[in-house]
Amino acid sequence: MKWTDTLDIAIELAEAHPEVDPAKVNFVELMKWTMALPGFDDDPKRCGERILEAIQAAWIEEAA
């Protein structure tokens, strides 16, 4: 997975952290958790606030 795979990342995060309210996750944690996902392989420097916002929005949608 790459940073641009926001929906895939959101699904994996929802499965890895079912007890977490994604709306309350800060971007530092979100970035750390995303990079720890199995199958994630991308440069941390390619991540920005917009990507993290997209991941968080997809995760919120997935959790709904």
Protein backbone atom coordinates (compact mmCIF):
# COMPACT_ATOMS: atom_id res chain seq x y z
CA MET A 1 0.00 0.00 0.00
CA LYS A 2 1.02 3.56 -0.69
CA TRP A 3 -0.17 6.83 0.86
CA THR A 4 -2.60 7.32 -2.01
CA ASP A 5 -4.44 4.06 -1.18
CA THR A 6 -6.58 5.93 1.34
CA LEU A 7 -9.57 3.57 1.29
CA ASP A 8 -7.42 0.45 1.67
CA ILE A 9 -5.54 2.11 4.53
CA ALA A 10 -8.82 3.12 6.20
CA ILE A 11 -10.15 -0.45 6.01
CA GLU A 12 -6.93 -1.84 7.48
CA LEU A 13 -6.93 0.76 10.27
CA ALA A 14 -10.58 -0.01 11.11
CA GLU A 15 -9.69 -3.70 11.41
CA ALA A 16 -6.51 -3.05 13.39
CA HIS A 17 -8.07 -0.54 15.80
CA PRO A 18 -11.80 -1.38 16.14
CA GLU A 19 -12.05 0.30 19.56
CA VAL A 20 -10.79 3.67 18.30
CA ASP A 21 -12.98 6.59 17.25
CA PRO A 22 -11.21 7.70 14.05
CA ALA A 23 -12.47 11.26 14.47
CA LYS A 24 -10.37 11.59 17.63
CA VAL A 25 -7.08 10.29 16.22
CA ASN A 26 -4.44 12.97 15.79
CA PHE A 27 -2.37 13.05 12.62
CA VAL A 28 0.85 11.98 14.36
CA GLU A 29 -0.81 8.76 15.59
CA LEU A 30 -2.59 8.25 12.26
CA MET A 31 0.69 8.47 10.36
CA LYS A 32 2.44 6.12 12.81
CA TRP A 33 -0.39 3.55 12.69
CA THR A 34 -0.55 3.71 8.90
CA MET A 35 3.19 3.09 8.52
CA ALA A 36 2.88 0.11 10.91
CA LEU A 37 0.24 -1.63 8.81
CA PRO A 38 1.34 -4.89 7.18
CA GLY A 39 1.76 -4.35 3.47
CA PHE A 40 2.33 -0.61 3.77
CA ASP A 41 5.44 0.45 1.93
CA ASP A 42 5.87 4.12 1.13
CA ASP A 43 8.16 6.97 2.01
CA PRO A 44 7.02 8.95 5.08
CA LYS A 45 8.17 12.12 3.30
CA ARG A 46 5.41 11.61 0.70
CA CYS A 47 2.74 11.99 3.39
CA GLY A 48 1.11 15.32 4.06
CA GLU A 49 -1.84 16.79 5.88
CA ARG A 50 -4.18 16.31 2.90
CA ILE A 51 -3.38 12.61 2.68
CA LEU A 52 -3.92 12.14 6.41
CA GLU A 53 -7.22 14.02 6.18
CA ALA A 54 -8.32 11.73 3.35
CA ILE A 55 -7.34 8.62 5.30
CA GLN A 56 -9.14 9.86 8.40
CA ALA A 57 -12.29 10.75 6.41
CA ALA A 58 -12.33 7.32 4.76
CA TRP A 59 -11.84 5.64 8.14
CA ILE A 60 -14.72 7.65 9.65
CA GLU A 61 -16.91 6.59 6.71
CA GLU A 62 -15.82 2.97 7.11
CA ALA A 63 -16.63 3.03 10.84
CA ALA A 64 -20.12 4.48 10.28
